[in-house]
């Protein structure tokens, strides 16, 4: 696969030296337009539904190393690390409801 940015449906990814360096999965059209992922995520052997109802409580207890978290009133963001992989989950506030934005995976 050539180096650079690629898109396949709701998933975008970046390759460098033919190795995938990061993956982003669009969960809503808050940051960009396009296809939205609606499926499942397997974390530590447990299947978690990733849909419009997907919330921080659905995943925070599955990761032992949380590297960052913020809620600035617009976006809620959680970041975790597993070995050399950084995983980011983002939601945005709409009225009093959190709407999932994206899942980002970066490989160091």
C-alpha atoms as a PDB file:
ATOM      1  CA  UNK A   1       0.000   0.000   0.000  1.00  0.00           C
ATOM      2  CA  UNK A   2       1.406   3.440  -0.827  1.00  0.00           C
ATOM      3  CA  UNK A   3       2.371   5.768   2.008  1.00  0.00           C
ATOM      4  CA  UNK A   4      -0.075   8.476   3.022  1.00  0.00           C
ATOM      5  CA  UNK A   5      -3.689   8.912   4.057  1.00  0.00           C
ATOM      6  CA  UNK A   6      -6.355   6.433   3.000  1.00  0.00           C
ATOM      7  CA  UNK A   7     -10.112   6.160   3.530  1.00  0.00           C
ATOM      8  CA  UNK A   8     -12.398   3.131   3.470  1.00  0.00           C
ATOM      9  CA  UNK A   9     -15.957   3.915   4.532  1.00  0.00           C
ATOM     10  CA  UNK A  10     -15.977   5.148   8.134  1.00  0.00           C
ATOM     11  CA  UNK A  11     -12.302   4.256   8.668  1.00  0.00           C
ATOM     12  CA  UNK A  12      -9.352   6.439   7.697  1.00  0.00           C
ATOM     13  CA  UNK A  13      -5.748   5.434   8.188  1.00  0.00           C
ATOM     14  CA  UNK A  14      -2.226   6.616   7.563  1.00  0.00           C
ATOM     15  CA  UNK A  15       0.592   4.393   6.302  1.00  0.00           C
ATOM     16  CA  UNK A  16       4.315   5.039   6.470  1.00  0.00           C
ATOM     17  CA  UNK A  17       6.852   2.646   4.945  1.00  0.00           C
ATOM     18  CA  UNK A  18       3.846   0.419   4.123  1.00  0.00           C
ATOM     19  CA  UNK A  19       2.984   0.121   7.842  1.00  0.00           C
ATOM     20  CA  UNK A  20      -0.274   1.458   9.298  1.00  0.00           C
ATOM     21  CA  UNK A  21       0.665   4.145  11.832  1.00  0.00           C
ATOM     22  CA  UNK A  22      -2.791   5.391  12.829  1.00  0.00           C
ATOM     23  CA  UNK A  23      -6.438   4.505  12.366  1.00  0.00           C
ATOM     24  CA  UNK A  24      -9.460   6.748  12.935  1.00  0.00           C
ATOM     25  CA  UNK A  25     -13.032   5.489  13.038  1.00  0.00           C
ATOM     26  CA  UNK A  26     -15.783   8.081  12.478  1.00  0.00           C
ATOM     27  CA  UNK A  27     -18.686   7.655  14.917  1.00  0.00           C
ATOM     28  CA  UNK A  28     -20.557  10.849  13.930  1.00  0.00           C
ATOM     29  CA  UNK A  29     -20.223  13.805  11.573  1.00  0.00           C
ATOM     30  CA  UNK A  30     -19.116  16.279  14.240  1.00  0.00           C
ATOM     31  CA  UNK A  31     -15.576  16.741  12.834  1.00  0.00           C
ATOM     32  CA  UNK A  32     -15.983  15.429   9.291  1.00  0.00           C
ATOM     33  CA  UNK A  33     -18.687  14.252   6.904  1.00  0.00           C
ATOM     34  CA  UNK A  34     -18.974  10.708   5.663  1.00  0.00           C
ATOM     35  CA  UNK A  35     -19.935   7.185   6.544  1.00  0.00           C
ATOM     36  CA  UNK A  36     -20.425   6.480  10.255  1.00  0.00           C
ATOM     37  CA  UNK A  37     -19.325   3.278  11.962  1.00  0.00           C
ATOM     38  CA  UNK A  38     -22.051   1.347  13.762  1.00  0.00           C
ATOM     39  CA  UNK A  39     -20.833  -1.989  15.034  1.00  0.00           C
ATOM     40  CA  UNK A  40     -18.792  -3.471  17.852  1.00  0.00           C
ATOM     41  CA  UNK A  41     -15.415  -3.086  19.481  1.00  0.00           C
ATOM     42  CA  UNK A  42     -13.675  -5.953  21.263  1.00  0.00           C
ATOM     43  CA  UNK A  43     -11.736  -4.834  24.345  1.00  0.00           C
ATOM     44  CA  UNK A  44     -10.058  -7.453  26.543  1.00  0.00           C
ATOM     45  CA  UNK A  45     -12.257 -10.153  25.042  1.00  0.00           C
ATOM     46  CA  UNK A  46     -15.521  -8.279  25.679  1.00  0.00           C
ATOM     47  CA  UNK A  47     -17.685  -7.090  22.801  1.00  0.00           C
ATOM     48  CA  UNK A  48     -18.903  -3.501  23.239  1.00  0.00           C
ATOM     49  CA  UNK A  49     -21.564  -1.952  21.001  1.00  0.00           C
ATOM     50  CA  UNK A  50     -20.311   1.196  19.276  1.00  0.00           C
ATOM     51  CA  UNK A  51     -23.366   3.167  18.212  1.00  0.00           C
ATOM     52  CA  UNK A  52     -25.104   6.455  19.061  1.00  0.00           C
ATOM     53  CA  UNK A  53     -25.551   5.298  22.667  1.00  0.00           C
ATOM     54  CA  UNK A  54     -21.819   4.488  23.159  1.00  0.00           C
ATOM     55  CA  UNK A  55     -20.641   6.354  26.293  1.00  0.00           C
ATOM     56  CA  UNK A  56     -17.392   6.765  28.298  1.00  0.00           C
ATOM     57  CA  UNK A  57     -18.672   4.396  30.995  1.00  0.00           C
ATOM     58  CA  UNK A  58     -18.784   1.680  28.320  1.00  0.00           C
ATOM     59  CA  UNK A  59     -14.976   1.631  27.986  1.00  0.00           C
ATOM     60  CA  UNK A  60     -13.080   3.434  30.774  1.00  0.00           C
ATOM     61  CA  UNK A  61     -12.866   0.402  33.050  1.00  0.00           C
ATOM     62  CA  UNK A  62     -11.324  -1.787  30.342  1.00  0.00           C
ATOM     63  CA  UNK A  63      -8.004   0.074  30.158  1.00  0.00           C
ATOM     64  CA  UNK A  64      -5.422   0.072  32.945  1.00  0.00           C
ATOM     65  CA  UNK A  65      -3.271   2.988  31.698  1.00  0.00           C
ATOM     66  CA  UNK A  66      -5.218   6.218  31.152  1.00  0.00           C
ATOM     67  CA  UNK A  67      -2.872   8.904  29.811  1.00  0.00           C
ATOM     68  CA  UNK A  68      -5.264  11.851  29.487  1.00  0.00           C
ATOM     69  CA  UNK A  69      -8.871  12.948  29.953  1.00  0.00           C
ATOM     70  CA  UNK A  70     -10.737  16.214  29.565  1.00  0.00           C
ATOM     71  CA  UNK A  71     -14.211  17.674  29.329  1.00  0.00           C
ATOM     72  CA  UNK A  72     -14.101  21.272  28.120  1.00  0.00           C
ATOM     73  CA  UNK A  73     -17.871  21.635  27.782  1.00  0.00           C
ATOM     74  CA  UNK A  74     -17.715  20.897  24.037  1.00  0.00           C
ATOM     75  CA  UNK A  75     -15.715  17.670  23.826  1.00  0.00           C
ATOM     76  CA  UNK A  76     -15.111  14.808  26.249  1.00  0.00           C
ATOM     77  CA  UNK A  77     -11.907  12.922  25.515  1.00  0.00           C
ATOM     78  CA  UNK A  78     -10.261   9.850  27.038  1.00  0.00           C
ATOM     79  CA  UNK A  79      -6.829   8.554  26.057  1.00  0.00           C
ATOM     80  CA  UNK A  80      -5.275   5.230  26.985  1.00  0.00           C
ATOM     81  CA  UNK A  81      -2.050   3.378  26.259  1.00  0.00           C
ATOM     82  CA  UNK A  82      -1.407  -0.317  25.727  1.00  0.00           C
ATOM     83  CA  UNK A  83       2.303  -0.968  25.159  1.00  0.00           C
ATOM     84  CA  UNK A  84       3.170   1.174  22.084  1.00  0.00           C
ATOM     85  CA  UNK A  85      -0.421   1.837  21.077  1.00  0.00           C
ATOM     86  CA  UNK A  86      -2.314   5.017  22.047  1.00  0.00           C
ATOM     87  CA  UNK A  87      -6.107   4.816  21.915  1.00  0.00           C
ATOM     88  CA  UNK A  88      -8.305   7.912  21.983  1.00  0.00           C
ATOM     89  CA  UNK A  89     -12.090   8.118  22.382  1.00  0.00           C
ATOM     90  CA  UNK A  90     -13.953  11.374  21.738  1.00  0.00           C
ATOM     91  CA  UNK A  91     -17.529  12.535  22.350  1.00  0.00           C
ATOM     92  CA  UNK A  92     -19.208  15.940  21.965  1.00  0.00           C
ATOM     93  CA  UNK A  93     -21.952  17.492  24.039  1.00  0.00           C
ATOM     94  CA  UNK A  94     -25.296  18.063  22.343  1.00  0.00           C
ATOM     95  CA  UNK A  95     -27.702  19.576  24.878  1.00  0.00           C
ATOM     96  CA  UNK A  96     -27.172  17.283  27.894  1.00  0.00           C
ATOM     97  CA  UNK A  97     -26.218  14.219  25.855  1.00  0.00           C
ATOM     98  CA  UNK A  98     -22.797  12.882  24.853  1.00  0.00           C
ATOM     99  CA  UNK A  99     -22.585  11.921  21.177  1.00  0.00           C
ATOM    100  CA  UNK A 100     -19.638   9.700  20.115  1.00  0.00           C
ATOM    101  CA  UNK A 101     -17.197  11.426  17.684  1.00  0.00           C
ATOM    102  CA  UNK A 102     -14.363   9.050  16.878  1.00  0.00           C
ATOM    103  CA  UNK A 103     -11.968   6.376  18.006  1.00  0.00           C
ATOM    104  CA  UNK A 104      -8.307   7.030  17.184  1.00  0.00           C
ATOM    105  CA  UNK A 105      -5.539   4.448  17.361  1.00  0.00           C
ATOM    106  CA  UNK A 106      -1.912   5.532  16.981  1.00  0.00           C
ATOM    107  CA  UNK A 107       0.983   3.094  16.862  1.00  0.00           C
ATOM    108  CA  UNK A 108       4.351   4.380  18.077  1.00  0.00           C
END
